[in-house]
Amino acid sequence: MKKFEERLERLEELADAIKAPDLPLEEALAVFEEGIKLAKGLEKELERMEGKVEALVNKPGDTEADPVLELFDAKDD
């Protein structure tokens, strides 16, 4: 499987290729089909990455969070 960036670059190439006015219909259809497959695969990978980021951000027991050590609010003093 190619890297995400490589597949995105290929999708951009396909988008440029399909805009060519002299592209035969058969080739345009093949380019479009490849582009759709790439776009769907990239979308799935982005969703997976987004899930990982959300899991990391919302991870319980975050060690960087400041613990609350007071029993009452500071304004109750």
Protein backbone atom coordinates (compact mmCIF):
# COMPACT_ATOMS: atom_id res chain seq x y z
CA MET A 1 0.00 0.00 0.00
CA LYS A 2 1.35 3.43 -0.94
CA LYS A 3 1.77 6.23 1.51
CA PHE A 4 -1.12 8.62 2.00
CA GLU A 5 0.77 11.49 0.38
CA GLU A 6 1.61 9.41 -2.69
CA ARG A 7 -2.01 8.43 -3.17
CA LEU A 8 -3.15 12.02 -2.71
CA GLU A 9 -0.63 13.15 -5.31
CA ARG A 10 -1.92 10.48 -7.70
CA LEU A 11 -5.48 11.70 -7.14
CA GLU A 12 -4.37 15.23 -8.04
CA GLU A 13 -2.72 13.89 -11.21
CA LEU A 14 -5.96 12.13 -12.14
CA ALA A 15 -7.95 15.30 -11.52
CA ASP A 16 -5.67 17.18 -13.90
CA ALA A 17 -5.75 14.39 -16.49
CA ILE A 18 -9.52 14.21 -16.64
CA LYS A 19 -9.68 17.93 -17.47
CA ALA A 20 -7.81 17.38 -20.75
CA PRO A 21 -10.17 18.18 -23.63
CA ASP A 22 -8.60 15.58 -25.93
CA LEU A 23 -8.96 12.67 -23.47
CA PRO A 24 -10.95 9.85 -25.10
CA LEU A 25 -14.13 8.83 -23.31
CA GLU A 26 -12.87 5.33 -22.48
CA GLU A 27 -9.73 6.73 -20.84
CA ALA A 28 -11.71 9.44 -19.04
CA LEU A 29 -13.93 6.75 -17.55
CA ALA A 30 -10.90 4.73 -16.41
CA VAL A 31 -9.31 7.84 -14.88
CA PHE A 32 -12.58 8.72 -13.14
CA GLU A 33 -12.96 5.18 -11.76
CA GLU A 34 -9.40 5.16 -10.40
CA GLY A 35 -9.97 8.59 -8.88
CA ILE A 36 -13.15 7.50 -7.12
CA LYS A 37 -11.43 4.44 -5.66
CA LEU A 38 -8.51 6.55 -4.45
CA ALA A 39 -10.79 9.21 -2.98
CA LYS A 40 -12.83 6.64 -1.05
CA GLY A 41 -9.68 4.97 0.28
CA LEU A 42 -8.19 8.29 1.34
CA GLU A 43 -11.44 9.28 3.03
CA LYS A 44 -11.48 6.04 5.03
CA GLU A 45 -7.88 6.55 6.07
CA LEU A 46 -8.59 10.13 7.15
CA GLU A 47 -11.52 8.92 9.26
CA ARG A 48 -9.27 6.31 10.86
CA MET A 49 -6.61 8.92 11.61
CA GLU A 50 -9.23 11.27 13.01
CA GLY A 51 -10.42 8.51 15.34
CA LYS A 52 -6.87 7.99 16.58
CA VAL A 53 -6.41 11.71 17.23
CA GLU A 54 -9.71 11.89 19.12
CA ALA A 55 -8.75 8.87 21.20
CA LEU A 56 -5.41 10.45 22.08
CA VAL A 57 -6.95 13.82 22.93
CA ASN A 58 -9.74 12.31 25.02
CA LYS A 59 -7.56 9.68 26.65
CA PRO A 60 -8.49 9.26 30.32
CA GLY A 61 -5.69 9.65 32.80
CA ASP A 62 -4.00 12.40 30.85
CA THR A 63 -0.69 12.93 32.67
CA GLU A 64 -0.34 16.54 31.53
CA ALA A 65 -3.57 17.71 33.15
CA ASP A 66 -3.15 19.51 36.46
CA PRO A 67 -4.75 17.49 39.24
CA VAL A 68 -7.33 19.21 41.44
CA LEU A 69 -6.11 18.91 45.01
CA GLU A 70 -8.57 21.19 46.80
CA LEU A 71 -11.74 19.98 48.44
CA PHE A 72 -13.51 23.31 47.99
CA ASP A 73 -13.30 26.16 45.49
CA ALA A 74 -10.72 28.80 46.31
CA LYS A 75 -13.45 31.46 46.54
CA ASP A 76 -14.97 29.71 49.61
CA ASP A 77 -12.03 30.78 51.84
